[in-house]
N, C-alpha and C. Protein backbone atom coordinates (compact mmCIF):
# COMPACT_ATOMS: atom_id res chain seq x y z
N MET A 1 -86.78 -100.33 -74.41
CA MET A 1 -86.11 -100.22 -73.13
C MET A 1 -85.55 -98.80 -72.93
N LYS A 2 -85.02 -98.23 -74.01
CA LYS A 2 -84.47 -96.88 -73.92
C LYS A 2 -85.57 -95.87 -73.60
N LYS A 3 -86.77 -96.08 -74.16
CA LYS A 3 -87.88 -95.17 -73.90
C LYS A 3 -88.31 -95.23 -72.43
N ILE A 4 -88.35 -96.41 -71.88
CA ILE A 4 -88.72 -96.56 -70.46
C ILE A 4 -87.67 -95.90 -69.58
N PHE A 5 -86.40 -96.11 -69.89
CA PHE A 5 -85.33 -95.48 -69.11
C PHE A 5 -85.41 -93.96 -69.21
N ALA A 6 -85.65 -93.44 -70.42
CA ALA A 6 -85.77 -91.99 -70.61
C ALA A 6 -86.97 -91.43 -69.86
N LEU A 7 -88.07 -92.16 -69.84
CA LEU A 7 -89.26 -91.73 -69.10
C LEU A 7 -88.98 -91.68 -67.59
N ILE A 8 -88.30 -92.68 -67.06
CA ILE A 8 -87.95 -92.69 -65.63
C ILE A 8 -87.03 -91.53 -65.28
N VAL A 9 -86.04 -91.27 -66.12
CA VAL A 9 -85.13 -90.15 -65.88
C VAL A 9 -85.89 -88.82 -65.95
N LEU A 10 -86.79 -88.68 -66.91
CA LEU A 10 -87.56 -87.45 -67.06
C LEU A 10 -88.47 -87.22 -65.84
N LEU A 11 -89.17 -88.26 -65.39
CA LEU A 11 -90.03 -88.14 -64.21
C LEU A 11 -89.20 -87.82 -62.96
N GLY A 12 -88.04 -88.44 -62.84
CA GLY A 12 -87.16 -88.14 -61.71
C GLY A 12 -86.68 -86.69 -61.74
N ALA A 13 -86.39 -86.18 -62.92
CA ALA A 13 -85.95 -84.78 -63.05
C ALA A 13 -87.07 -83.83 -62.66
N PHE A 14 -88.30 -84.10 -63.09
CA PHE A 14 -89.43 -83.25 -62.71
C PHE A 14 -89.66 -83.28 -61.20
N ASN A 15 -89.54 -84.45 -60.62
CA ASN A 15 -89.70 -84.57 -59.17
C ASN A 15 -88.62 -83.79 -58.44
N PHE A 16 -87.37 -83.87 -58.93
CA PHE A 16 -86.27 -83.14 -58.32
C PHE A 16 -86.48 -81.64 -58.45
N LEU A 17 -86.91 -81.17 -59.62
CA LEU A 17 -87.11 -79.74 -59.83
C LEU A 17 -88.27 -79.21 -59.00
N SER A 18 -89.35 -79.96 -58.88
CA SER A 18 -90.47 -79.48 -58.09
C SER A 18 -90.13 -79.45 -56.61
N ALA A 19 -89.24 -80.32 -56.15
CA ALA A 19 -88.87 -80.34 -54.74
C ALA A 19 -87.97 -79.18 -54.38
N GLN A 20 -87.33 -78.55 -55.34
CA GLN A 20 -86.41 -77.46 -55.04
C GLN A 20 -87.13 -76.18 -54.64
N GLY A 21 -88.36 -76.01 -55.05
CA GLY A 21 -89.07 -74.77 -54.80
C GLY A 21 -89.60 -74.63 -53.38
N TYR A 22 -89.85 -75.72 -52.70
CA TYR A 22 -90.49 -75.68 -51.40
C TYR A 22 -89.69 -76.49 -50.40
N SER A 23 -89.90 -76.18 -49.16
CA SER A 23 -89.26 -76.91 -48.09
C SER A 23 -89.76 -78.34 -48.06
N GLU A 24 -88.96 -79.24 -47.51
CA GLU A 24 -89.35 -80.64 -47.38
C GLU A 24 -90.41 -80.83 -46.31
N ASN A 25 -90.57 -79.88 -45.41
CA ASN A 25 -91.49 -80.01 -44.28
C ASN A 25 -92.89 -79.59 -44.69
N ASN A 26 -93.64 -80.51 -45.28
CA ASN A 26 -94.98 -80.19 -45.76
C ASN A 26 -96.08 -80.52 -44.77
N HIS A 27 -95.73 -81.11 -43.63
CA HIS A 27 -96.71 -81.51 -42.63
C HIS A 27 -96.42 -80.80 -41.31
N GLU A 28 -97.49 -80.47 -40.59
CA GLU A 28 -97.32 -79.80 -39.30
C GLU A 28 -98.39 -80.31 -38.34
N ILE A 29 -97.96 -80.65 -37.12
CA ILE A 29 -98.89 -81.00 -36.06
C ILE A 29 -98.80 -79.91 -35.00
N LYS A 30 -99.95 -79.59 -34.38
CA LYS A 30 -100.00 -78.47 -33.43
C LYS A 30 -100.81 -78.86 -32.20
N PHE A 31 -100.43 -78.26 -31.08
CA PHE A 31 -101.17 -78.41 -29.83
C PHE A 31 -101.65 -77.02 -29.42
N ASN A 32 -102.94 -76.90 -29.11
CA ASN A 32 -103.53 -75.61 -28.76
C ASN A 32 -103.29 -75.33 -27.27
N VAL A 33 -102.17 -74.70 -26.96
CA VAL A 33 -101.77 -74.41 -25.59
C VAL A 33 -102.71 -73.38 -24.96
N GLY A 34 -103.08 -72.36 -25.70
CA GLY A 34 -103.94 -71.31 -25.17
C GLY A 34 -105.29 -71.83 -24.74
N HIS A 35 -105.90 -72.66 -25.55
CA HIS A 35 -107.20 -73.23 -25.21
C HIS A 35 -107.09 -74.15 -23.98
N PHE A 36 -105.97 -74.89 -23.90
CA PHE A 36 -105.76 -75.78 -22.77
C PHE A 36 -105.61 -74.99 -21.47
N LEU A 37 -104.83 -73.92 -21.50
CA LEU A 37 -104.62 -73.13 -20.28
C LEU A 37 -105.88 -72.37 -19.87
N ALA A 38 -106.67 -71.92 -20.83
CA ALA A 38 -107.87 -71.13 -20.51
C ALA A 38 -109.05 -71.99 -20.06
N THR A 39 -109.25 -73.15 -20.70
CA THR A 39 -110.47 -73.92 -20.43
C THR A 39 -110.22 -75.41 -20.17
N SER A 40 -108.99 -75.85 -20.10
CA SER A 40 -108.59 -77.26 -19.95
C SER A 40 -109.07 -78.13 -21.10
N THR A 41 -109.29 -77.55 -22.25
CA THR A 41 -109.65 -78.29 -23.46
C THR A 41 -108.38 -78.79 -24.13
N ILE A 42 -108.38 -80.04 -24.53
CA ILE A 42 -107.23 -80.62 -25.23
C ILE A 42 -107.53 -80.58 -26.72
N GLY A 43 -106.71 -79.83 -27.46
CA GLY A 43 -106.94 -79.67 -28.89
C GLY A 43 -105.67 -79.88 -29.70
N PHE A 44 -105.80 -80.66 -30.77
CA PHE A 44 -104.70 -80.91 -31.69
C PHE A 44 -105.13 -80.53 -33.09
N ALA A 45 -104.15 -80.20 -33.93
CA ALA A 45 -104.44 -79.85 -35.31
C ALA A 45 -103.34 -80.41 -36.21
N TYR A 46 -103.71 -80.62 -37.46
CA TYR A 46 -102.77 -81.06 -38.49
C TYR A 46 -102.92 -80.11 -39.67
N GLU A 47 -101.80 -79.79 -40.29
CA GLU A 47 -101.82 -78.91 -41.46
C GLU A 47 -100.89 -79.47 -42.52
N HIS A 48 -101.38 -79.56 -43.75
CA HIS A 48 -100.57 -80.01 -44.89
C HIS A 48 -100.45 -78.85 -45.87
N TYR A 49 -99.21 -78.51 -46.22
CA TYR A 49 -98.96 -77.39 -47.11
C TYR A 49 -99.01 -77.86 -48.56
N ILE A 50 -99.92 -77.29 -49.32
CA ILE A 50 -100.04 -77.60 -50.74
C ILE A 50 -98.94 -76.88 -51.51
N ASN A 51 -98.70 -75.62 -51.18
CA ASN A 51 -97.60 -74.85 -51.73
C ASN A 51 -97.18 -73.83 -50.68
N GLU A 52 -96.40 -72.83 -51.05
CA GLU A 52 -95.85 -71.93 -50.04
C GLU A 52 -96.86 -70.96 -49.45
N ASP A 53 -98.05 -70.83 -50.02
CA ASP A 53 -99.03 -69.90 -49.45
C ASP A 53 -100.42 -70.50 -49.28
N THR A 54 -100.57 -71.82 -49.39
CA THR A 54 -101.87 -72.46 -49.25
C THR A 54 -101.71 -73.77 -48.49
N SER A 55 -102.66 -74.03 -47.59
CA SER A 55 -102.64 -75.30 -46.86
C SER A 55 -104.06 -75.77 -46.59
N ILE A 56 -104.17 -77.06 -46.31
CA ILE A 56 -105.42 -77.65 -45.84
C ILE A 56 -105.11 -78.33 -44.51
N GLY A 57 -106.11 -78.42 -43.66
CA GLY A 57 -105.85 -79.02 -42.37
C GLY A 57 -107.10 -79.45 -41.67
N GLY A 58 -106.90 -79.97 -40.48
CA GLY A 58 -108.00 -80.41 -39.66
C GLY A 58 -107.65 -80.26 -38.20
N ASP A 59 -108.66 -80.19 -37.36
CA ASP A 59 -108.42 -80.12 -35.92
C ASP A 59 -109.46 -80.93 -35.17
N ILE A 60 -109.09 -81.30 -33.95
CA ILE A 60 -109.95 -82.07 -33.09
C ILE A 60 -109.73 -81.59 -31.67
N TYR A 61 -110.80 -81.51 -30.89
CA TYR A 61 -110.66 -81.13 -29.49
C TYR A 61 -111.61 -81.94 -28.62
N PHE A 62 -111.20 -82.08 -27.35
CA PHE A 62 -111.97 -82.79 -26.34
C PHE A 62 -112.07 -81.91 -25.11
N ASP A 63 -113.21 -81.92 -24.47
CA ASP A 63 -113.43 -81.13 -23.26
C ASP A 63 -114.35 -81.94 -22.35
N ASN A 64 -114.10 -81.90 -21.06
CA ASN A 64 -114.95 -82.67 -20.15
C ASN A 64 -116.16 -81.88 -19.66
N LYS A 65 -116.35 -80.66 -20.18
CA LYS A 65 -117.52 -79.86 -19.81
C LYS A 65 -118.43 -79.72 -21.02
N ALA A 66 -119.47 -80.51 -21.06
CA ALA A 66 -120.35 -80.56 -22.24
C ALA A 66 -121.14 -79.28 -22.44
N THR A 67 -121.29 -78.45 -21.40
CA THR A 67 -122.08 -77.23 -21.54
C THR A 67 -121.23 -76.01 -21.88
N ASP A 68 -119.94 -76.19 -22.18
CA ASP A 68 -119.10 -75.07 -22.62
C ASP A 68 -119.61 -74.50 -23.93
N TYR A 69 -119.07 -73.36 -24.32
CA TYR A 69 -119.57 -72.63 -25.49
C TYR A 69 -119.47 -73.44 -26.78
N ASN A 70 -118.46 -74.29 -26.94
CA ASN A 70 -118.35 -75.10 -28.16
C ASN A 70 -118.46 -76.59 -27.85
N GLY A 71 -119.15 -76.94 -26.79
CA GLY A 71 -119.42 -78.34 -26.49
C GLY A 71 -118.23 -79.09 -25.95
N ASN A 72 -118.34 -80.42 -25.96
CA ASN A 72 -117.29 -81.25 -25.37
C ASN A 72 -116.47 -82.01 -26.40
N PHE A 73 -116.83 -81.95 -27.67
CA PHE A 73 -116.06 -82.61 -28.72
C PHE A 73 -116.24 -81.84 -30.01
N GLY A 74 -115.16 -81.66 -30.75
CA GLY A 74 -115.24 -80.98 -32.04
C GLY A 74 -114.26 -81.58 -33.03
N LEU A 75 -114.67 -81.62 -34.28
CA LEU A 75 -113.85 -82.14 -35.36
C LEU A 75 -114.07 -81.24 -36.56
N GLY A 76 -112.98 -80.69 -37.12
CA GLY A 76 -113.16 -79.73 -38.20
C GLY A 76 -112.09 -79.81 -39.27
N ALA A 77 -112.33 -79.10 -40.35
CA ALA A 77 -111.39 -78.99 -41.47
C ALA A 77 -111.28 -77.53 -41.87
N ASN A 78 -110.14 -77.16 -42.46
CA ASN A 78 -109.96 -75.78 -42.90
C ASN A 78 -109.08 -75.69 -44.14
N VAL A 79 -109.16 -74.56 -44.81
CA VAL A 79 -108.30 -74.19 -45.92
C VAL A 79 -107.73 -72.83 -45.58
N ARG A 80 -106.40 -72.69 -45.67
CA ARG A 80 -105.74 -71.43 -45.32
C ARG A 80 -104.97 -70.85 -46.50
N ALA A 81 -104.93 -69.51 -46.51
CA ALA A 81 -104.11 -68.77 -47.46
C ALA A 81 -103.20 -67.86 -46.65
N TYR A 82 -101.89 -67.92 -46.89
CA TYR A 82 -100.90 -67.13 -46.16
C TYR A 82 -100.51 -65.90 -46.96
N PHE A 83 -100.28 -64.79 -46.23
CA PHE A 83 -99.94 -63.52 -46.86
C PHE A 83 -98.63 -62.95 -46.33
N GLY A 84 -97.76 -63.77 -45.78
CA GLY A 84 -96.51 -63.29 -45.20
C GLY A 84 -95.42 -63.14 -46.23
N TYR A 85 -94.33 -62.50 -45.82
CA TYR A 85 -93.18 -62.35 -46.70
C TYR A 85 -92.39 -63.64 -46.83
N GLU A 86 -92.41 -64.46 -45.79
CA GLU A 86 -91.76 -65.75 -45.81
C GLU A 86 -92.79 -66.81 -46.17
N PRO A 87 -92.38 -67.87 -46.85
CA PRO A 87 -93.33 -68.94 -47.20
C PRO A 87 -93.92 -69.59 -45.94
N ARG A 88 -95.21 -69.91 -46.00
CA ARG A 88 -95.89 -70.68 -44.96
C ARG A 88 -95.84 -70.02 -43.59
N SER A 89 -95.86 -68.71 -43.56
CA SER A 89 -95.84 -67.99 -42.28
C SER A 89 -96.46 -66.61 -42.48
N GLY A 90 -96.60 -65.89 -41.38
CA GLY A 90 -97.17 -64.55 -41.42
C GLY A 90 -98.67 -64.58 -41.23
N PHE A 91 -99.34 -63.56 -41.74
CA PHE A 91 -100.79 -63.46 -41.62
C PHE A 91 -101.46 -64.51 -42.51
N PHE A 92 -102.58 -65.02 -42.05
CA PHE A 92 -103.35 -65.96 -42.86
C PHE A 92 -104.84 -65.75 -42.66
N ALA A 93 -105.59 -66.16 -43.66
CA ALA A 93 -107.06 -66.18 -43.60
C ALA A 93 -107.49 -67.61 -43.85
N GLU A 94 -108.59 -68.01 -43.24
CA GLU A 94 -109.04 -69.39 -43.41
C GLU A 94 -110.55 -69.47 -43.51
N ALA A 95 -111.00 -70.50 -44.19
CA ALA A 95 -112.40 -70.90 -44.20
C ALA A 95 -112.44 -72.27 -43.53
N PHE A 96 -113.42 -72.48 -42.65
CA PHE A 96 -113.44 -73.74 -41.91
C PHE A 96 -114.85 -74.27 -41.75
N GLY A 97 -114.91 -75.55 -41.49
CA GLY A 97 -116.12 -76.25 -41.11
C GLY A 97 -115.84 -76.97 -39.81
N LEU A 98 -116.81 -76.98 -38.90
CA LEU A 98 -116.59 -77.60 -37.59
C LEU A 98 -117.86 -78.34 -37.18
N TYR A 99 -117.71 -79.63 -36.89
CA TYR A 99 -118.79 -80.42 -36.32
C TYR A 99 -118.50 -80.55 -34.84
N TYR A 100 -119.46 -80.20 -33.99
CA TYR A 100 -119.23 -80.33 -32.56
C TYR A 100 -120.49 -80.77 -31.83
N THR A 101 -120.27 -81.37 -30.66
CA THR A 101 -121.36 -81.91 -29.84
C THR A 101 -121.26 -81.33 -28.44
N GLY A 102 -122.36 -81.38 -27.71
CA GLY A 102 -122.37 -80.90 -26.34
C GLY A 102 -123.73 -81.03 -25.72
N GLU A 103 -123.95 -80.30 -24.64
CA GLU A 103 -125.24 -80.27 -23.95
C GLU A 103 -125.65 -78.82 -23.76
N ASP A 104 -126.94 -78.59 -23.82
CA ASP A 104 -127.48 -77.26 -23.62
C ASP A 104 -128.42 -77.31 -22.41
N ASP A 105 -128.25 -76.36 -21.49
CA ASP A 105 -129.15 -76.28 -20.34
C ASP A 105 -130.46 -75.64 -20.77
N VAL A 106 -131.57 -76.33 -20.54
CA VAL A 106 -132.89 -75.85 -20.94
C VAL A 106 -133.74 -75.74 -19.69
N LEU A 107 -134.42 -74.61 -19.53
CA LEU A 107 -135.33 -74.41 -18.40
C LEU A 107 -136.75 -74.62 -18.91
N ASP A 108 -137.39 -75.66 -18.41
CA ASP A 108 -138.75 -76.01 -18.80
C ASP A 108 -139.66 -75.77 -17.60
N ASP A 109 -140.80 -75.13 -17.80
CA ASP A 109 -141.72 -74.81 -16.70
C ASP A 109 -142.22 -76.08 -16.00
N ASN A 110 -142.45 -77.13 -16.76
CA ASN A 110 -142.99 -78.36 -16.18
C ASN A 110 -141.92 -79.27 -15.61
N LEU A 111 -140.75 -79.34 -16.27
CA LEU A 111 -139.73 -80.30 -15.86
C LEU A 111 -138.57 -79.67 -15.10
N GLY A 112 -138.49 -78.38 -15.04
CA GLY A 112 -137.35 -77.72 -14.39
C GLY A 112 -136.17 -77.65 -15.33
N GLN A 113 -134.97 -77.52 -14.80
CA GLN A 113 -133.78 -77.41 -15.62
C GLN A 113 -133.29 -78.80 -16.03
N ARG A 114 -132.96 -78.96 -17.31
CA ARG A 114 -132.47 -80.24 -17.80
C ARG A 114 -131.46 -79.99 -18.92
N ASN A 115 -130.67 -80.99 -19.20
CA ASN A 115 -129.67 -80.91 -20.27
C ASN A 115 -130.19 -81.61 -21.52
N VAL A 116 -129.98 -80.98 -22.65
CA VAL A 116 -130.37 -81.55 -23.94
C VAL A 116 -129.10 -81.73 -24.75
N ASP A 117 -128.83 -82.97 -25.18
CA ASP A 117 -127.67 -83.24 -26.03
C ASP A 117 -127.91 -82.68 -27.42
N TYR A 118 -126.84 -82.17 -28.03
CA TYR A 118 -126.95 -81.66 -29.39
C TYR A 118 -125.68 -81.98 -30.17
N SER A 119 -125.78 -81.94 -31.47
CA SER A 119 -124.64 -81.98 -32.37
C SER A 119 -124.99 -81.04 -33.52
N THR A 120 -124.00 -80.27 -33.94
CA THR A 120 -124.26 -79.27 -34.96
C THR A 120 -123.04 -79.09 -35.85
N LEU A 121 -123.26 -78.51 -36.99
CA LEU A 121 -122.22 -78.21 -37.95
C LEU A 121 -122.17 -76.70 -38.14
N ALA A 122 -120.98 -76.13 -38.10
CA ALA A 122 -120.81 -74.69 -38.31
C ALA A 122 -119.83 -74.46 -39.45
N LEU A 123 -120.09 -73.43 -40.24
CA LEU A 123 -119.18 -72.98 -41.30
C LEU A 123 -118.76 -71.57 -40.96
N GLY A 124 -117.48 -71.25 -41.16
CA GLY A 124 -117.04 -69.93 -40.77
C GLY A 124 -115.76 -69.47 -41.42
N LEU A 125 -115.34 -68.28 -40.99
CA LEU A 125 -114.12 -67.63 -41.47
C LEU A 125 -113.25 -67.27 -40.28
N GLY A 126 -111.95 -67.25 -40.49
CA GLY A 126 -111.04 -66.89 -39.41
C GLY A 126 -109.76 -66.33 -39.97
N GLY A 127 -108.88 -65.99 -39.06
CA GLY A 127 -107.58 -65.46 -39.44
C GLY A 127 -106.62 -65.52 -38.28
N GLY A 128 -105.35 -65.25 -38.56
CA GLY A 128 -104.36 -65.28 -37.51
C GLY A 128 -102.99 -64.94 -38.02
N PHE A 129 -102.00 -65.28 -37.20
CA PHE A 129 -100.61 -64.98 -37.51
C PHE A 129 -99.74 -66.14 -37.06
N LYS A 130 -98.80 -66.56 -37.92
CA LYS A 130 -97.91 -67.68 -37.61
C LYS A 130 -96.46 -67.24 -37.67
N LEU A 131 -95.70 -67.58 -36.63
CA LEU A 131 -94.26 -67.35 -36.58
C LEU A 131 -93.56 -68.70 -36.76
N VAL A 132 -92.46 -68.70 -37.51
CA VAL A 132 -91.73 -69.93 -37.79
C VAL A 132 -90.26 -69.71 -37.44
N THR A 133 -89.61 -70.74 -36.87
CA THR A 133 -88.18 -70.65 -36.57
C THR A 133 -87.39 -70.66 -37.87
N PHE A 134 -86.11 -70.30 -37.79
CA PHE A 134 -85.27 -70.26 -38.98
C PHE A 134 -85.11 -71.64 -39.60
N SER A 135 -85.15 -72.68 -38.79
CA SER A 135 -85.02 -74.04 -39.33
C SER A 135 -86.32 -74.54 -39.95
N GLU A 136 -87.40 -73.78 -39.82
CA GLU A 136 -88.73 -74.13 -40.31
C GLU A 136 -89.23 -75.44 -39.70
N ARG A 137 -88.85 -75.71 -38.46
CA ARG A 137 -89.30 -76.90 -37.76
C ARG A 137 -90.38 -76.60 -36.73
N PHE A 138 -90.26 -75.49 -36.02
CA PHE A 138 -91.17 -75.17 -34.93
C PHE A 138 -91.96 -73.90 -35.26
N THR A 139 -93.24 -73.88 -34.84
CA THR A 139 -94.12 -72.76 -35.14
C THR A 139 -94.88 -72.35 -33.89
N VAL A 140 -95.29 -71.09 -33.89
CA VAL A 140 -96.22 -70.55 -32.89
C VAL A 140 -97.25 -69.75 -33.66
N GLU A 141 -98.51 -69.98 -33.38
CA GLU A 141 -99.54 -69.23 -34.09
C GLU A 141 -100.65 -68.84 -33.13
N THR A 142 -101.24 -67.71 -33.44
CA THR A 142 -102.43 -67.26 -32.74
C THR A 142 -103.51 -67.03 -33.79
N TYR A 143 -104.73 -67.42 -33.46
CA TYR A 143 -105.79 -67.33 -34.46
C TYR A 143 -107.14 -67.16 -33.79
N GLY A 144 -108.09 -66.78 -34.58
CA GLY A 144 -109.47 -66.65 -34.12
C GLY A 144 -110.41 -66.71 -35.31
N GLY A 145 -111.66 -67.02 -35.04
CA GLY A 145 -112.64 -67.09 -36.10
C GLY A 145 -114.03 -67.24 -35.54
N PHE A 146 -115.01 -67.03 -36.40
CA PHE A 146 -116.39 -67.21 -35.99
C PHE A 146 -117.14 -67.89 -37.13
N GLY A 147 -118.19 -68.62 -36.75
CA GLY A 147 -118.95 -69.35 -37.74
C GLY A 147 -120.43 -69.35 -37.40
N ARG A 148 -121.22 -69.75 -38.35
CA ARG A 148 -122.66 -69.81 -38.20
C ARG A 148 -123.07 -71.27 -38.12
N ASN A 149 -123.85 -71.62 -37.10
CA ASN A 149 -124.35 -72.98 -36.96
C ASN A 149 -125.38 -73.25 -38.05
N MET A 150 -125.27 -74.42 -38.66
CA MET A 150 -126.16 -74.79 -39.76
C MET A 150 -127.30 -75.70 -39.34
N SER A 151 -127.10 -76.48 -38.28
CA SER A 151 -128.12 -77.43 -37.84
C SER A 151 -127.91 -77.71 -36.36
N PRO A 152 -128.82 -78.19 -35.62
CA PRO A 152 -130.24 -78.33 -35.90
C PRO A 152 -130.94 -76.98 -35.88
N LYS A 153 -132.23 -77.00 -36.10
CA LYS A 153 -132.99 -75.76 -36.25
C LYS A 153 -132.86 -74.83 -35.04
N ASP A 154 -132.80 -75.39 -33.83
CA ASP A 154 -132.69 -74.57 -32.62
C ASP A 154 -131.40 -73.76 -32.58
N PHE A 155 -130.35 -74.23 -33.26
CA PHE A 155 -129.05 -73.56 -33.22
C PHE A 155 -128.75 -72.74 -34.47
N GLN A 156 -129.63 -72.72 -35.45
CA GLN A 156 -129.33 -72.05 -36.71
C GLN A 156 -129.18 -70.54 -36.56
N ASN A 157 -129.75 -69.94 -35.56
CA ASN A 157 -129.62 -68.50 -35.38
C ASN A 157 -128.46 -68.12 -34.46
N THR A 158 -127.65 -69.07 -34.07
CA THR A 158 -126.54 -68.78 -33.16
C THR A 158 -125.21 -68.88 -33.89
N PHE A 159 -124.24 -68.20 -33.34
CA PHE A 159 -122.89 -68.20 -33.87
C PHE A 159 -121.98 -68.94 -32.91
N MET A 160 -120.88 -69.45 -33.42
CA MET A 160 -119.86 -70.06 -32.60
C MET A 160 -118.55 -69.33 -32.89
N PHE A 161 -117.61 -69.46 -31.98
CA PHE A 161 -116.31 -68.86 -32.22
C PHE A 161 -115.23 -69.83 -31.80
N LYS A 162 -114.05 -69.62 -32.37
CA LYS A 162 -112.89 -70.42 -31.99
C LYS A 162 -111.69 -69.50 -31.92
N ALA A 163 -110.80 -69.82 -31.02
CA ALA A 163 -109.59 -69.03 -30.84
C ALA A 163 -108.53 -69.91 -30.22
N GLY A 164 -107.29 -69.50 -30.36
CA GLY A 164 -106.24 -70.31 -29.77
C GLY A 164 -104.86 -69.74 -29.95
N LEU A 165 -103.96 -70.34 -29.19
CA LEU A 165 -102.53 -70.08 -29.28
C LEU A 165 -101.88 -71.46 -29.37
N SER A 166 -101.33 -71.79 -30.53
CA SER A 166 -100.83 -73.14 -30.77
C SER A 166 -99.32 -73.14 -30.97
N VAL A 167 -98.71 -74.23 -30.54
CA VAL A 167 -97.31 -74.50 -30.85
C VAL A 167 -97.27 -75.73 -31.74
N GLY A 168 -96.39 -75.70 -32.74
CA GLY A 168 -96.39 -76.78 -33.70
C GLY A 168 -95.01 -77.26 -34.07
N PHE A 169 -95.00 -78.42 -34.73
CA PHE A 169 -93.77 -79.04 -35.20
C PHE A 169 -93.99 -79.47 -36.65
N ARG A 170 -93.07 -79.07 -37.53
CA ARG A 170 -93.15 -79.45 -38.95
C ARG A 170 -92.23 -80.63 -39.23
N PHE A 171 -92.72 -81.49 -40.10
CA PHE A 171 -91.92 -82.65 -40.51
C PHE A 171 -92.17 -82.99 -41.96
């Protein structure tokens, strides 16, 4: 019984010590205001902080114009590394993957102009800058990136880009 009690106390002490190094706010949700104002695309993102300079996250967007540059639906994941003086803020670099769908206008001599549905996967690199309030609750970030489409064959020689101005809340 004493060994079990000692083990529980030891695990509790390790948990307490590891929690002292980082803020309690390890989760962040964001709304892409810049993309919404520029193209009426609704985009949300989630970011989970692994430590003070690394995070993983995902984003999703919806657009009612299927022929836009990045289609009408996108779902992606990213890994970020922060280089700021403050934890979880400042300049960052990211690697991302993005799956998106849309329509492409095709001009055919026999059929005229028609839309072709597509879905593709892109891998890319990006970067940006994040500002955080003193309470570490609210964030503003601007970012951009470009990627290479991997599939289908018609899109493999094309690039995609992403950019935005997001406001976020940490919890």
